[in-house]
Amino acid sequence: MYASIDRELSRQHREEIRQEVAANRLAGMARANRERRPYVVRDLSWELARYLDAETVSESASARPNITSGN
């Protein structure tokens, strides 16, 4: 009788571990998918930042008065 109870507890423990591993695997995959951005998005964000930086530089250059010598 005790042997069958021991086997049942062991089976339940193995099943709980399997479920826990599966839940951890799914959580890890969801986190990895959320943190990783596709290549196109990374590339476009870099291009956009570069464009905005260039635009800011040109705006600041045009906002400065052009000082020339009167020679």
Protein backbone atom coordinates (compact mmCIF):
# COMPACT_ATOMS: atom_id res chain seq x y z
CA MET A 1 0.00 0.00 0.00
CA TYR A 2 2.75 2.46 0.89
CA ALA A 3 4.61 1.63 -2.30
CA SER A 4 1.62 2.65 -4.44
CA ILE A 5 1.21 5.92 -2.52
CA ASP A 6 4.92 6.61 -2.95
CA ARG A 7 4.67 5.97 -6.71
CA GLU A 8 1.62 8.24 -6.97
CA LEU A 9 3.36 11.06 -5.08
CA SER A 10 6.43 10.65 -7.27
CA ARG A 11 4.29 10.80 -10.43
CA GLN A 12 2.51 13.94 -9.18
CA HIS A 13 5.85 15.56 -8.35
CA ARG A 14 7.22 14.81 -11.84
CA GLU A 15 4.06 16.24 -13.42
CA GLU A 16 4.32 19.43 -11.32
CA ILE A 17 7.95 19.85 -12.40
CA ARG A 18 6.99 19.40 -16.07
CA GLN A 19 4.26 22.01 -15.77
CA GLU A 20 6.62 24.43 -14.03
CA VAL A 21 9.29 23.97 -16.70
CA ALA A 22 6.72 24.53 -19.46
CA ALA A 23 5.45 27.71 -17.78
CA ASN A 24 9.01 29.02 -17.34
CA ARG A 25 9.82 28.23 -20.97
CA LEU A 26 6.75 30.12 -22.20
CA ALA A 27 7.52 33.08 -19.94
CA GLY A 28 11.10 33.19 -21.23
CA MET A 29 9.96 33.06 -24.85
CA ALA A 30 7.42 35.84 -24.29
CA ARG A 31 10.06 38.01 -22.61
CA ALA A 32 12.57 37.36 -25.41
CA ASN A 33 10.00 38.19 -28.09
CA ARG A 34 9.04 41.38 -26.29
CA GLU A 35 12.64 42.55 -25.85
CA ARG A 36 13.85 41.73 -29.34
CA ARG A 37 12.99 44.12 -32.16
CA PRO A 38 13.09 43.05 -35.78
CA TYR A 39 16.07 44.12 -37.89
CA VAL A 40 13.94 46.44 -40.01
CA VAL A 41 12.68 48.32 -36.94
CA ARG A 42 16.21 48.70 -35.56
CA ASP A 43 17.47 49.93 -38.92
CA LEU A 44 14.60 52.37 -39.40
CA SER A 45 14.92 53.75 -35.88
CA TRP A 46 18.64 54.35 -36.48
CA GLU A 47 17.90 56.12 -39.79
CA LEU A 48 15.19 58.23 -38.16
CA ALA A 49 17.48 59.26 -35.32
CA ARG A 50 20.20 60.15 -37.82
CA TYR A 51 17.74 62.21 -39.91
CA LEU A 52 16.38 64.03 -36.87
CA ASP A 53 19.91 64.77 -35.67
CA ALA A 54 20.86 66.16 -39.08
CA GLU A 55 17.67 68.23 -39.16
CA THR A 56 18.39 69.64 -35.70
CA VAL A 57 21.93 70.57 -36.72
CA SER A 58 20.72 72.34 -39.88
CA GLU A 59 18.03 74.23 -37.93
CA SER A 60 20.55 75.43 -35.37
CA ALA A 61 22.91 76.51 -38.16
CA SER A 62 20.19 78.51 -39.89
CA ALA A 63 19.06 80.07 -36.60
CA ARG A 64 22.51 81.52 -35.91
CA PRO A 65 23.14 84.90 -37.45
CA ASN A 66 25.63 84.81 -40.25
CA ILE A 67 28.44 87.10 -39.19
CA THR A 68 30.68 88.18 -42.01
CA SER A 69 33.47 90.66 -41.95
CA GLY A 70 32.86 93.93 -43.75
CA ASN A 71 36.15 93.84 -45.68
